[in-house]
Protein backbone atom coordinates (compact mmCIF):
# COMPACT_ATOMS: atom_id res chain seq x y z
CA MET A 1 108.36 83.66 78.83
CA GLU A 2 109.56 83.17 82.39
CA SER A 3 109.43 79.62 83.74
CA LEU A 4 107.11 78.95 86.68
CA GLU A 5 107.71 76.88 89.78
CA ILE A 6 105.08 75.21 91.98
CA ILE A 7 105.72 76.32 95.55
CA TYR A 8 102.58 75.17 97.39
CA THR A 9 99.90 72.52 96.81
CA GLU A 10 96.91 71.16 98.67
CA ASN A 11 94.82 68.05 98.02
CA LEU A 12 91.08 68.55 98.35
CA ASN A 13 88.21 66.10 97.90
CA SER A 14 86.15 67.97 95.32
CA ARG A 15 86.23 70.74 92.78
CA ILE A 16 83.81 72.73 94.96
CA GLU A 17 86.16 72.52 97.97
CA ALA A 18 89.08 73.51 95.73
CA ARG A 19 87.20 76.58 94.43
CA LYS A 20 86.27 77.67 97.97
CA ARG A 21 89.92 77.29 99.05
CA GLU A 22 91.11 79.24 96.00
CA LYS A 23 88.73 82.10 96.84
CA TYR A 24 89.95 82.08 100.46
CA LEU A 25 93.62 82.17 99.44
CA LYS A 26 92.92 85.16 97.19
CA SER A 27 91.24 87.04 100.08
CA ALA A 28 93.03 89.23 102.62
CA ALA A 29 92.84 86.44 105.21
CA GLY A 30 94.27 83.97 102.72
CA ARG A 31 97.14 86.31 101.89
CA ARG A 32 97.89 86.60 105.62
CA PHE A 33 97.96 82.79 105.83
CA LEU A 34 100.33 82.54 102.86
CA LYS A 35 102.53 85.24 104.37
CA SER A 36 102.60 83.38 107.70
CA ILE A 37 103.97 80.26 106.01
CA GLY A 38 106.47 82.30 104.03
CA ILE A 39 105.20 82.10 100.47
CA TRP A 40 103.52 85.48 99.95
CA ASP A 41 105.68 88.20 98.45
CA ARG A 42 103.94 91.28 97.02
CA SER A 43 106.94 92.07 94.83
CA SER A 44 106.41 88.80 92.92
CA ILE A 45 102.86 89.74 91.90
CA GLY A 46 102.81 90.87 88.28
């Protein structure tokens, strides 16, 4: 098994906020955001 590395974290106030943020980051807009900060790479998606 390949080892994993944490490359980005956020601190949110509640589980509900965290779930909303997770859904956003998995959306097209969220992927654009991740790409804009340099951590989205389609080739790394399994």
